[in-house]
């Protein structure tokens, strides 16, 4: 199976997370690349994926704050999100100071610094990173590391979403993809759920619809990646003819666990496992919805990163 096609399966399993080929004739994939580097390199290399992934998961959670008091509503459709990463996120440089250089390079001894630098997972797919060892301020060893997996500044995600509600101002939401077996990658799972409540049926004189809610999601990619994202939000909306304008504020968190087997001539084979938190801790959302039987919405989310998202929902 070509790397492009295999990565396309991963893209589908990740709900449109782009992990395509760095080159058409290279059979490397994310796991193949990570097995060539240790934990410190992998942390810096995957950091943009971790930060953008959580930001995407916590996006497009709602398209209106209106929830009926005593009328059942059911809607389903698709939500699409994309995080814009900075150009600086396409490269990294990490310096390990006062370490035993021989732990990183075969045939070298002494205490010094190890400099790791190169493209991140979303960096140059033609240029490999490097590890350079310094003892007494002089370079004593250098090894080639890994190249980027995909050269991009946009990280996409999509999620099917089902919403059911309408009694006592309560609405439940579900994001789910069926389990997909990716062979050597293992099985990929996607599950998310949320609950929101609107007090407008108690406070009938409010000029806008308001609601509070939470959402939690998990995406597992085989045995390599496990993610968790949660959001607690406050939102308001107002309808103008066929359009709804909405906005909100959210407090959020996200984590990603990465696990793989590191294979090296110096240390041999070692299990690597680490957890990293996403950058986004809060956001402001502003969006608009075309409120017809087929609801189309678009929004912008601003925090430490900028996420654009849209949705197409059907229902009654």
C-alpha atoms as a PDB file:
ATOM      1  CA  UNK A   1       0.000   0.000   0.000  1.00  0.00           C
ATOM      2  CA  UNK A   2       1.464   3.386  -0.976  1.00  0.00           C
ATOM      3  CA  UNK A   3       2.207   5.922   1.710  1.00  0.00           C
ATOM      4  CA  UNK A   4      -0.290   8.365   0.179  1.00  0.00           C
ATOM      5  CA  UNK A   5      -3.176   5.891   0.278  1.00  0.00           C
ATOM      6  CA  UNK A   6      -2.302   4.637   3.753  1.00  0.00           C
ATOM      7  CA  UNK A   7      -2.131   8.211   5.014  1.00  0.00           C
ATOM      8  CA  UNK A   8      -5.509   8.875   3.406  1.00  0.00           C
ATOM      9  CA  UNK A   9      -6.987   6.095   5.534  1.00  0.00           C
ATOM     10  CA  UNK A  10      -5.461   7.726   8.578  1.00  0.00           C
ATOM     11  CA  UNK A  11      -6.957  11.042   7.460  1.00  0.00           C
ATOM     12  CA  UNK A  12     -10.421   9.481   7.348  1.00  0.00           C
ATOM     13  CA  UNK A  13      -9.937   7.736  10.658  1.00  0.00           C
ATOM     14  CA  UNK A  14      -8.766  10.973  12.265  1.00  0.00           C
ATOM     15  CA  UNK A  15     -11.774  12.768  10.801  1.00  0.00           C
ATOM     16  CA  UNK A  16      -9.810  14.569   8.106  1.00  0.00           C
ATOM     17  CA  UNK A  17      -6.564  15.090   9.981  1.00  0.00           C
ATOM     18  CA  UNK A  18      -4.088  15.439   7.115  1.00  0.00           C
ATOM     19  CA  UNK A  19      -1.144  13.052   7.412  1.00  0.00           C
ATOM     20  CA  UNK A  20      -0.277  12.571   3.745  1.00  0.00           C
ATOM     21  CA  UNK A  21       2.928  11.602   2.077  1.00  0.00           C
ATOM     22  CA  UNK A  22       6.134  13.560   2.310  1.00  0.00           C
ATOM     23  CA  UNK A  23       7.124  11.762  -0.894  1.00  0.00           C
ATOM     24  CA  UNK A  24       5.343   9.310  -3.111  1.00  0.00           C
ATOM     25  CA  UNK A  25       8.003   6.601  -3.081  1.00  0.00           C
ATOM     26  CA  UNK A  26       8.889   6.714   0.651  1.00  0.00           C
ATOM     27  CA  UNK A  27       7.036   4.202   2.798  1.00  0.00           C
ATOM     28  CA  UNK A  28       7.565   6.146   6.030  1.00  0.00           C
ATOM     29  CA  UNK A  29       4.602   7.174   8.152  1.00  0.00           C
ATOM     30  CA  UNK A  30       4.211   8.936  11.493  1.00  0.00           C
ATOM     31  CA  UNK A  31       5.049   5.848  13.548  1.00  0.00           C
ATOM     32  CA  UNK A  32       8.013   5.003  11.313  1.00  0.00           C
ATOM     33  CA  UNK A  33       9.388   8.499  11.801  1.00  0.00           C
ATOM     34  CA  UNK A  34       8.916   8.587  15.567  1.00  0.00           C
ATOM     35  CA  UNK A  35      10.675   5.255  16.088  1.00  0.00           C
ATOM     36  CA  UNK A  36      13.858   6.979  14.891  1.00  0.00           C
ATOM     37  CA  UNK A  37      13.893   9.660  17.622  1.00  0.00           C
ATOM     38  CA  UNK A  38      13.718   9.811  21.404  1.00  0.00           C
ATOM     39  CA  UNK A  39      11.196  11.481  23.662  1.00  0.00           C
ATOM     40  CA  UNK A  40      12.684  14.992  23.727  1.00  0.00           C
ATOM     41  CA  UNK A  41      12.833  15.150  19.930  1.00  0.00           C
ATOM     42  CA  UNK A  42       9.344  13.674  19.574  1.00  0.00           C
ATOM     43  CA  UNK A  43       7.850  16.214  22.004  1.00  0.00           C
ATOM     44  CA  UNK A  44       9.142  19.153  19.971  1.00  0.00           C
ATOM     45  CA  UNK A  45       8.395  17.479  16.636  1.00  0.00           C
ATOM     46  CA  UNK A  46       4.733  16.729  17.429  1.00  0.00           C
ATOM     47  CA  UNK A  47       3.966  19.903  19.438  1.00  0.00           C
ATOM     48  CA  UNK A  48       2.082  21.698  16.594  1.00  0.00           C
ATOM     49  CA  UNK A  49      -0.078  18.595  16.058  1.00  0.00           C
ATOM     50  CA  UNK A  50      -0.954  18.457  19.749  1.00  0.00           C
ATOM     51  CA  UNK A  51      -1.852  22.137  20.006  1.00  0.00           C
ATOM     52  CA  UNK A  52      -3.876  22.337  16.774  1.00  0.00           C
ATOM     53  CA  UNK A  53      -5.637  19.016  17.339  1.00  0.00           C
ATOM     54  CA  UNK A  54      -7.127  20.092  20.678  1.00  0.00           C
ATOM     55  CA  UNK A  55      -8.098  23.487  19.285  1.00  0.00           C
ATOM     56  CA  UNK A  56      -9.982  21.783  16.456  1.00  0.00           C
ATOM     57  CA  UNK A  57     -11.801  19.342  18.708  1.00  0.00           C
ATOM     58  CA  UNK A  58     -13.157  22.159  20.874  1.00  0.00           C
ATOM     59  CA  UNK A  59     -14.549  24.058  17.866  1.00  0.00           C
ATOM     60  CA  UNK A  60     -17.950  24.136  16.141  1.00  0.00           C
ATOM     61  CA  UNK A  61     -19.758  22.878  19.238  1.00  0.00           C
ATOM     62  CA  UNK A  62     -22.924  24.956  18.640  1.00  0.00           C
ATOM     63  CA  UNK A  63     -24.529  27.226  16.050  1.00  0.00           C
ATOM     64  CA  UNK A  64     -27.263  28.840  18.147  1.00  0.00           C
ATOM     65  CA  UNK A  65     -28.089  29.364  21.799  1.00  0.00           C
ATOM     66  CA  UNK A  66     -31.820  28.820  21.247  1.00  0.00           C
ATOM     67  CA  UNK A  67     -33.194  25.650  22.845  1.00  0.00           C
ATOM     68  CA  UNK A  68     -36.991  25.200  22.941  1.00  0.00           C
ATOM     69  CA  UNK A  69     -38.796  24.604  26.218  1.00  0.00           C
ATOM     70  CA  UNK A  70     -41.252  21.879  25.214  1.00  0.00           C
ATOM     71  CA  UNK A  71     -40.649  20.903  21.595  1.00  0.00           C
ATOM     72  CA  UNK A  72     -38.471  17.989  20.506  1.00  0.00           C
ATOM     73  CA  UNK A  73     -35.746  18.944  18.071  1.00  0.00           C
ATOM     74  CA  UNK A  74     -33.439  16.555  16.245  1.00  0.00           C
ATOM     75  CA  UNK A  75     -30.648  17.595  13.897  1.00  0.00           C
ATOM     76  CA  UNK A  76     -27.648  15.904  12.371  1.00  0.00           C
ATOM     77  CA  UNK A  77     -24.879  16.880  10.020  1.00  0.00           C
ATOM     78  CA  UNK A  78     -21.203  17.608   9.710  1.00  0.00           C
ATOM     79  CA  UNK A  79     -18.871  20.092  11.392  1.00  0.00           C
ATOM     80  CA  UNK A  80     -15.598  21.106   9.742  1.00  0.00           C
ATOM     81  CA  UNK A  81     -12.742  22.862  11.564  1.00  0.00           C
ATOM     82  CA  UNK A  82      -9.313  24.151  10.626  1.00  0.00           C
ATOM     83  CA  UNK A  83      -6.539  25.620  12.781  1.00  0.00           C
ATOM     84  CA  UNK A  84      -4.030  28.055  11.354  1.00  0.00           C
ATOM     85  CA  UNK A  85      -0.560  27.408  12.805  1.00  0.00           C
ATOM     86  CA  UNK A  86       2.228  29.981  12.755  1.00  0.00           C
ATOM     87  CA  UNK A  87       5.187  29.732  10.417  1.00  0.00           C
ATOM     88  CA  UNK A  88       7.403  29.366  13.490  1.00  0.00           C
ATOM     89  CA  UNK A  89       5.522  26.144  14.334  1.00  0.00           C
ATOM     90  CA  UNK A  90       6.974  24.484  11.233  1.00  0.00           C
ATOM     91  CA  UNK A  91      10.459  24.323  12.760  1.00  0.00           C
ATOM     92  CA  UNK A  92      11.877  23.780  16.250  1.00  0.00           C
ATOM     93  CA  UNK A  93      15.115  24.014  18.195  1.00  0.00           C
ATOM     94  CA  UNK A  94      15.629  22.291  21.547  1.00  0.00           C
ATOM     95  CA  UNK A  95      18.833  22.462  23.602  1.00  0.00           C
ATOM     96  CA  UNK A  96      19.580  19.878  26.304  1.00  0.00           C
ATOM     97  CA  UNK A  97      22.210  21.398  28.568  1.00  0.00           C
ATOM     98  CA  UNK A  98      24.768  19.603  30.755  1.00  0.00           C
ATOM     99  CA  UNK A  99      23.865  16.064  29.678  1.00  0.00           C
ATOM    100  CA  UNK A 100      25.991  12.983  29.036  1.00  0.00           C
ATOM    101  CA  UNK A 101      26.577  13.338  25.296  1.00  0.00           C
ATOM    102  CA  UNK A 102      27.362   9.614  25.049  1.00  0.00           C
ATOM    103  CA  UNK A 103      23.724   8.871  25.867  1.00  0.00           C
ATOM    104  CA  UNK A 104      22.823  10.317  22.458  1.00  0.00           C
ATOM    105  CA  UNK A 105      25.805   9.437  20.258  1.00  0.00           C
ATOM    106  CA  UNK A 106      27.737   6.198  19.909  1.00  0.00           C
ATOM    107  CA  UNK A 107      31.458   6.416  20.645  1.00  0.00           C
ATOM    108  CA  UNK A 108      31.308   9.847  22.316  1.00  0.00           C
ATOM    109  CA  UNK A 109      31.886  10.637  25.981  1.00  0.00           C
ATOM    110  CA  UNK A 110      31.818  13.708  28.159  1.00  0.00           C
ATOM    111  CA  UNK A 111      29.275  16.161  29.548  1.00  0.00           C
ATOM    112  CA  UNK A 112      27.974  18.879  27.272  1.00  0.00           C
ATOM    113  CA  UNK A 113      24.976  20.030  25.288  1.00  0.00           C
ATOM    114  CA  UNK A 114      22.805  18.323  22.691  1.00  0.00           C
ATOM    115  CA  UNK A 115      21.041  20.537  20.154  1.00  0.00           C
ATOM    116  CA  UNK A 116      17.986  19.142  18.371  1.00  0.00           C
ATOM    117  CA  UNK A 117      16.577  21.168  15.487  1.00  0.00           C
ATOM    118  CA  UNK A 118      14.711  20.762  12.238  1.00  0.00           C
ATOM    119  CA  UNK A 119      11.216  20.653  10.770  1.00  0.00           C
ATOM    120  CA  UNK A 120       8.223  19.752  12.920  1.00  0.00           C
ATOM    121  CA  UNK A 121       5.542  17.326  11.780  1.00  0.00           C
ATOM    122  CA  UNK A 122       4.089  20.163   9.659  1.00  0.00           C
ATOM    123  CA  UNK A 123       7.449  21.355   8.344  1.00  0.00           C
ATOM    124  CA  UNK A 124       9.672  20.765   5.313  1.00  0.00           C
ATOM    125  CA  UNK A 125       9.213  17.215   4.048  1.00  0.00           C
ATOM    126  CA  UNK A 126      12.491  17.276   2.090  1.00  0.00           C
ATOM    127  CA  UNK A 127      14.845  18.403   4.876  1.00  0.00           C
ATOM    128  CA  UNK A 128      15.805  16.189   7.800  1.00  0.00           C
ATOM    129  CA  UNK A 129      16.408  17.532  11.283  1.00  0.00           C
ATOM    130  CA  UNK A 130      19.679  17.057  13.129  1.00  0.00           C
ATOM    131  CA  UNK A 131      21.074  16.172  16.551  1.00  0.00           C
ATOM    132  CA  UNK A 132      24.403  17.802  17.328  1.00  0.00           C
ATOM    133  CA  UNK A 133      26.523  17.062  20.392  1.00  0.00           C
ATOM    134  CA  UNK A 134      28.820  19.670  21.949  1.00  0.00           C
ATOM    135  CA  UNK A 135      31.544  19.088  24.556  1.00  0.00           C
ATOM    136  CA  UNK A 136      33.415  22.121  25.855  1.00  0.00           C
ATOM    137  CA  UNK A 137      31.526  24.265  23.374  1.00  0.00           C
ATOM    138  CA  UNK A 138      32.847  22.324  20.374  1.00  0.00           C
ATOM    139  CA  UNK A 139      30.774  20.036  18.130  1.00  0.00           C
ATOM    140  CA  UNK A 140      31.873  16.433  18.593  1.00  0.00           C
ATOM    141  CA  UNK A 141      29.098  14.491  16.847  1.00  0.00           C
ATOM    142  CA  UNK A 142      26.101  14.995  14.595  1.00  0.00           C
ATOM    143  CA  UNK A 143      23.352  12.702  13.348  1.00  0.00           C
ATOM    144  CA  UNK A 144      20.551  13.182  10.872  1.00  0.00           C
ATOM    145  CA  UNK A 145      17.045  12.889  12.322  1.00  0.00           C
ATOM    146  CA  UNK A 146      13.679  12.981  10.541  1.00  0.00           C
ATOM    147  CA  UNK A 147      11.918  15.199   8.027  1.00  0.00           C
ATOM    148  CA  UNK A 148       8.459  16.766   8.302  1.00  0.00           C
ATOM    149  CA  UNK A 149       5.432  14.644   7.531  1.00  0.00           C
ATOM    150  CA  UNK A 150       3.369  17.264   5.693  1.00  0.00           C
ATOM    151  CA  UNK A 151       4.321  20.829   4.802  1.00  0.00           C
ATOM    152  CA  UNK A 152       1.267  22.870   5.801  1.00  0.00           C
ATOM    153  CA  UNK A 153       0.056  25.680   8.029  1.00  0.00           C
ATOM    154  CA  UNK A 154      -3.561  24.452   8.068  1.00  0.00           C
ATOM    155  CA  UNK A 155      -4.637  21.515  10.212  1.00  0.00           C
ATOM    156  CA  UNK A 156      -8.181  20.283   9.412  1.00  0.00           C
ATOM    157  CA  UNK A 157     -10.688  18.100  11.238  1.00  0.00           C
ATOM    158  CA  UNK A 158     -14.272  17.095  10.596  1.00  0.00           C
ATOM    159  CA  UNK A 159     -16.841  15.495  12.868  1.00  0.00           C
ATOM    160  CA  UNK A 160     -20.346  14.098  12.316  1.00  0.00           C
ATOM    161  CA  UNK A 161     -22.663  15.600  14.934  1.00  0.00           C
ATOM    162  CA  UNK A 162     -26.118  14.656  16.245  1.00  0.00           C
ATOM    163  CA  UNK A 163     -28.192  16.993  18.437  1.00  0.00           C
ATOM    164  CA  UNK A 164     -31.363  16.099  20.346  1.00  0.00           C
ATOM    165  CA  UNK A 165     -33.194  18.412  22.725  1.00  0.00           C
ATOM    166  CA  UNK A 166     -36.057  20.762  23.344  1.00  0.00           C
ATOM    167  CA  UNK A 167     -37.445  19.964  26.796  1.00  0.00           C
ATOM    168  CA  UNK A 168     -36.751  22.266  29.749  1.00  0.00           C
ATOM    169  CA  UNK A 169     -34.125  24.014  27.653  1.00  0.00           C
ATOM    170  CA  UNK A 170     -31.839  20.970  27.504  1.00  0.00           C
ATOM    171  CA  UNK A 171     -29.991  19.752  24.422  1.00  0.00           C
ATOM    172  CA  UNK A 172     -27.600  16.816  24.084  1.00  0.00           C
ATOM    173  CA  UNK A 173     -24.938  16.490  21.392  1.00  0.00           C
ATOM    174  CA  UNK A 174     -22.999  13.500  20.109  1.00  0.00           C
ATOM    175  CA  UNK A 175     -19.930  13.220  17.881  1.00  0.00           C
ATOM    176  CA  UNK A 176     -19.036   9.723  16.770  1.00  0.00           C
ATOM    177  CA  UNK A 177     -17.247   7.783  14.075  1.00  0.00           C
ATOM    178  CA  UNK A 178     -17.381   3.990  13.792  1.00  0.00           C
ATOM    179  CA  UNK A 179     -14.269   2.111  14.825  1.00  0.00           C
ATOM    180  CA  UNK A 180     -11.891   1.738  11.891  1.00  0.00           C
ATOM    181  CA  UNK A 181      -9.233  -0.973  11.759  1.00  0.00           C
ATOM    182  CA  UNK A 182      -6.020   0.425  10.258  1.00  0.00           C
ATOM    183  CA  UNK A 183      -4.089  -2.841  10.337  1.00  0.00           C
ATOM    184  CA  UNK A 184      -0.620  -2.169  11.742  1.00  0.00           C
ATOM    185  CA  UNK A 185      -1.866   1.105  13.250  1.00  0.00           C
ATOM    186  CA  UNK A 186      -4.536  -0.603  15.342  1.00  0.00           C
ATOM    187  CA  UNK A 187      -8.104   0.583  15.663  1.00  0.00           C
ATOM    188  CA  UNK A 188      -9.110   4.231  15.569  1.00  0.00           C
ATOM    189  CA  UNK A 189     -11.992   5.531  17.677  1.00  0.00           C
ATOM    190  CA  UNK A 190     -13.767   8.888  17.890  1.00  0.00           C
ATOM    191  CA  UNK A 191     -16.360   9.712  20.543  1.00  0.00           C
ATOM    192  CA  UNK A 192     -17.606  13.032  21.871  1.00  0.00           C
ATOM    193  CA  UNK A 193     -20.613  14.128  23.884  1.00  0.00           C
ATOM    194  CA  UNK A 194     -21.996  17.362  25.242  1.00  0.00           C
ATOM    195  CA  UNK A 195     -24.915  18.863  27.116  1.00  0.00           C
ATOM    196  CA  UNK A 196     -26.232  22.429  27.036  1.00  0.00           C
ATOM    197  CA  UNK A 197     -29.020  24.273  28.829  1.00  0.00           C
ATOM    198  CA  UNK A 198     -30.861  27.500  28.114  1.00  0.00           C
ATOM    199  CA  UNK A 199     -32.697  29.420  30.893  1.00  0.00           C
ATOM    200  CA  UNK A 200     -34.745  31.477  28.438  1.00  0.00           C
ATOM    201  CA  UNK A 201     -37.949  29.623  29.254  1.00  0.00           C
ATOM    202  CA  UNK A 202     -37.550  30.903  32.824  1.00  0.00           C
ATOM    203  CA  UNK A 203     -36.280  34.373  31.877  1.00  0.00           C
ATOM    204  CA  UNK A 204     -38.665  35.220  29.054  1.00  0.00           C
ATOM    205  CA  UNK A 205     -37.778  38.924  28.909  1.00  0.00           C
ATOM    206  CA  UNK A 206     -34.151  38.369  27.902  1.00  0.00           C
ATOM    207  CA  UNK A 207     -33.402  40.150  24.596  1.00  0.00           C
ATOM    208  CA  UNK A 208     -31.165  37.293  23.441  1.00  0.00           C
ATOM    209  CA  UNK A 209     -31.062  33.525  23.753  1.00  0.00           C
ATOM    210  CA  UNK A 210     -28.404  32.318  26.182  1.00  0.00           C
ATOM    211  CA  UNK A 211     -27.069  28.914  27.141  1.00  0.00           C
ATOM    212  CA  UNK A 212     -24.308  27.200  29.099  1.00  0.00           C
ATOM    213  CA  UNK A 213     -22.808  23.857  28.176  1.00  0.00           C
ATOM    214  CA  UNK A 214     -19.905  21.467  28.142  1.00  0.00           C
ATOM    215  CA  UNK A 215     -18.384  19.090  25.622  1.00  0.00           C
ATOM    216  CA  UNK A 216     -15.874  16.247  25.998  1.00  0.00           C
ATOM    217  CA  UNK A 217     -14.190  14.294  23.186  1.00  0.00           C
ATOM    218  CA  UNK A 218     -11.680  11.492  22.770  1.00  0.00           C
ATOM    219  CA  UNK A 219      -9.881  10.369  19.624  1.00  0.00           C
ATOM    220  CA  UNK A 220      -7.603   7.313  19.678  1.00  0.00           C
ATOM    221  CA  UNK A 221      -5.371   6.500  16.728  1.00  0.00           C
ATOM    222  CA  UNK A 222      -4.284   2.909  17.095  1.00  0.00           C
ATOM    223  CA  UNK A 223      -1.643   2.520  19.782  1.00  0.00           C
ATOM    224  CA  UNK A 224       0.198   5.720  18.810  1.00  0.00           C
ATOM    225  CA  UNK A 225      -2.020   8.636  19.811  1.00  0.00           C
ATOM    226  CA  UNK A 226      -4.775   9.193  22.357  1.00  0.00           C
ATOM    227  CA  UNK A 227      -6.411  12.597  22.685  1.00  0.00           C
ATOM    228  CA  UNK A 228      -8.830  14.154  25.135  1.00  0.00           C
ATOM    229  CA  UNK A 229     -10.454  17.584  24.795  1.00  0.00           C
ATOM    230  CA  UNK A 230     -13.053  19.342  26.924  1.00  0.00           C
ATOM    231  CA  UNK A 231     -14.826  22.689  26.800  1.00  0.00           C
ATOM    232  CA  UNK A 232     -17.067  24.609  29.208  1.00  0.00           C
ATOM    233  CA  UNK A 233     -18.818  27.460  27.418  1.00  0.00           C
ATOM    234  CA  UNK A 234     -21.299  30.323  27.728  1.00  0.00           C
ATOM    235  CA  UNK A 235     -23.036  31.444  24.533  1.00  0.00           C
ATOM    236  CA  UNK A 236     -25.665  33.900  23.336  1.00  0.00           C
ATOM    237  CA  UNK A 237     -27.488  34.354  20.039  1.00  0.00           C
ATOM    238  CA  UNK A 238     -30.146  36.480  18.401  1.00  0.00           C
ATOM    239  CA  UNK A 239     -32.208  35.819  15.310  1.00  0.00           C
ATOM    240  CA  UNK A 240     -32.611  38.378  12.523  1.00  0.00           C
ATOM    241  CA  UNK A 241     -35.041  37.139   9.906  1.00  0.00           C
ATOM    242  CA  UNK A 242     -33.385  34.026   8.398  1.00  0.00           C
ATOM    243  CA  UNK A 243     -30.053  34.603  10.108  1.00  0.00           C
ATOM    244  CA  UNK A 244     -28.800  33.900  13.613  1.00  0.00           C
ATOM    245  CA  UNK A 245     -25.802  35.763  14.985  1.00  0.00           C
ATOM    246  CA  UNK A 246     -24.102  34.028  17.895  1.00  0.00           C
ATOM    247  CA  UNK A 247     -21.061  34.340  20.077  1.00  0.00           C
ATOM    248  CA  UNK A 248     -19.566  32.838  23.181  1.00  0.00           C
ATOM    249  CA  UNK A 249     -16.691  32.379  25.563  1.00  0.00           C
ATOM    250  CA  UNK A 250     -15.199  29.016  26.513  1.00  0.00           C
ATOM    251  CA  UNK A 251     -12.707  27.665  29.013  1.00  0.00           C
ATOM    252  CA  UNK A 252     -11.075  24.575  27.582  1.00  0.00           C
ATOM    253  CA  UNK A 253      -8.320  22.020  27.855  1.00  0.00           C
ATOM    254  CA  UNK A 254      -6.807  19.307  25.699  1.00  0.00           C
ATOM    255  CA  UNK A 255      -4.168  16.618  26.070  1.00  0.00           C
ATOM    256  CA  UNK A 256      -2.469  14.165  23.756  1.00  0.00           C
ATOM    257  CA  UNK A 257      -0.737  10.930  24.796  1.00  0.00           C
ATOM    258  CA  UNK A 258       1.901   9.657  22.371  1.00  0.00           C
ATOM    259  CA  UNK A 259       3.324   6.124  22.690  1.00  0.00           C
ATOM    260  CA  UNK A 260       5.746   4.270  20.427  1.00  0.00           C
ATOM    261  CA  UNK A 261       8.863   2.086  20.437  1.00  0.00           C
ATOM    262  CA  UNK A 262      12.175   3.913  19.938  1.00  0.00           C
ATOM    263  CA  UNK A 263      14.875   1.960  18.097  1.00  0.00           C
ATOM    264  CA  UNK A 264      18.441   3.263  18.400  1.00  0.00           C
ATOM    265  CA  UNK A 265      22.000   1.918  18.027  1.00  0.00           C
ATOM    266  CA  UNK A 266      23.026   3.557  21.319  1.00  0.00           C
ATOM    267  CA  UNK A 267      20.148   2.737  23.679  1.00  0.00           C
ATOM    268  CA  UNK A 268      18.686  -0.161  21.744  1.00  0.00           C
ATOM    269  CA  UNK A 269      14.911  -0.543  21.839  1.00  0.00           C
ATOM    270  CA  UNK A 270      12.932   1.494  24.365  1.00  0.00           C
ATOM    271  CA  UNK A 271       9.287   2.283  24.975  1.00  0.00           C
ATOM    272  CA  UNK A 272       8.512   6.008  24.780  1.00  0.00           C
ATOM    273  CA  UNK A 273       5.325   7.459  26.247  1.00  0.00           C
ATOM    274  CA  UNK A 274       4.550  11.060  27.069  1.00  0.00           C
ATOM    275  CA  UNK A 275       1.594  13.396  27.573  1.00  0.00           C
ATOM    276  CA  UNK A 276       1.433  17.009  26.430  1.00  0.00           C
ATOM    277  CA  UNK A 277      -1.209  19.662  27.058  1.00  0.00           C
ATOM    278  CA  UNK A 278      -2.607  21.831  24.285  1.00  0.00           C
ATOM    279  CA  UNK A 279      -1.997  25.584  24.195  1.00  0.00           C
ATOM    280  CA  UNK A 280      -5.616  26.748  24.034  1.00  0.00           C
ATOM    281  CA  UNK A 281      -7.076  27.422  27.478  1.00  0.00           C
ATOM    282  CA  UNK A 282      -9.844  29.853  26.473  1.00  0.00           C
ATOM    283  CA  UNK A 283     -11.452  31.313  23.375  1.00  0.00           C
ATOM    284  CA  UNK A 284     -13.960  33.798  22.048  1.00  0.00           C
ATOM    285  CA  UNK A 285     -16.341  32.645  19.319  1.00  0.00           C
ATOM    286  CA  UNK A 286     -18.261  34.745  16.803  1.00  0.00           C
ATOM    287  CA  UNK A 287     -20.431  33.212  14.088  1.00  0.00           C
ATOM    288  CA  UNK A 288     -23.581  33.316  11.985  1.00  0.00           C
ATOM    289  CA  UNK A 289     -26.112  30.691  10.937  1.00  0.00           C
ATOM    290  CA  UNK A 290     -28.466  30.627   7.976  1.00  0.00           C
ATOM    291  CA  UNK A 291     -31.562  29.451   9.861  1.00  0.00           C
ATOM    292  CA  UNK A 292     -33.522  27.436   7.307  1.00  0.00           C
ATOM    293  CA  UNK A 293     -34.532  23.745   7.390  1.00  0.00           C
ATOM    294  CA  UNK A 294     -30.937  23.153   6.262  1.00  0.00           C
ATOM    295  CA  UNK A 295     -28.768  25.158   8.651  1.00  0.00           C
ATOM    296  CA  UNK A 296     -25.428  26.431   7.410  1.00  0.00           C
ATOM    297  CA  UNK A 297     -23.100  28.214   9.818  1.00  0.00           C
ATOM    298  CA  UNK A 298     -19.593  29.662   9.853  1.00  0.00           C
ATOM    299  CA  UNK A 299     -17.562  30.953  12.785  1.00  0.00           C
ATOM    300  CA  UNK A 300     -14.190  32.206  13.937  1.00  0.00           C
ATOM    301  CA  UNK A 301     -12.615  31.162  17.228  1.00  0.00           C
ATOM    302  CA  UNK A 302      -9.858  33.306  18.715  1.00  0.00           C
ATOM    303  CA  UNK A 303      -7.530  32.298  21.537  1.00  0.00           C
ATOM    304  CA  UNK A 304      -3.813  31.555  21.520  1.00  0.00           C
ATOM    305  CA  UNK A 305      -4.574  30.070  18.092  1.00  0.00           C
ATOM    306  CA  UNK A 306      -7.185  30.973  15.467  1.00  0.00           C
ATOM    307  CA  UNK A 307      -9.649  28.303  14.368  1.00  0.00           C
ATOM    308  CA  UNK A 308     -12.183  28.674  11.554  1.00  0.00           C
ATOM    309  CA  UNK A 309     -15.104  26.286  11.446  1.00  0.00           C
ATOM    310  CA  UNK A 310     -18.375  25.667   9.640  1.00  0.00           C
ATOM    311  CA  UNK A 311     -21.282  23.286   9.824  1.00  0.00           C
ATOM    312  CA  UNK A 312     -24.138  21.894   7.761  1.00  0.00           C
ATOM    313  CA  UNK A 313     -27.024  20.519   9.826  1.00  0.00           C
ATOM    314  CA  UNK A 314     -30.312  18.885   8.791  1.00  0.00           C
ATOM    315  CA  UNK A 315     -33.318  18.266  11.024  1.00  0.00           C
ATOM    316  CA  UNK A 316     -36.468  19.625  12.588  1.00  0.00           C
END
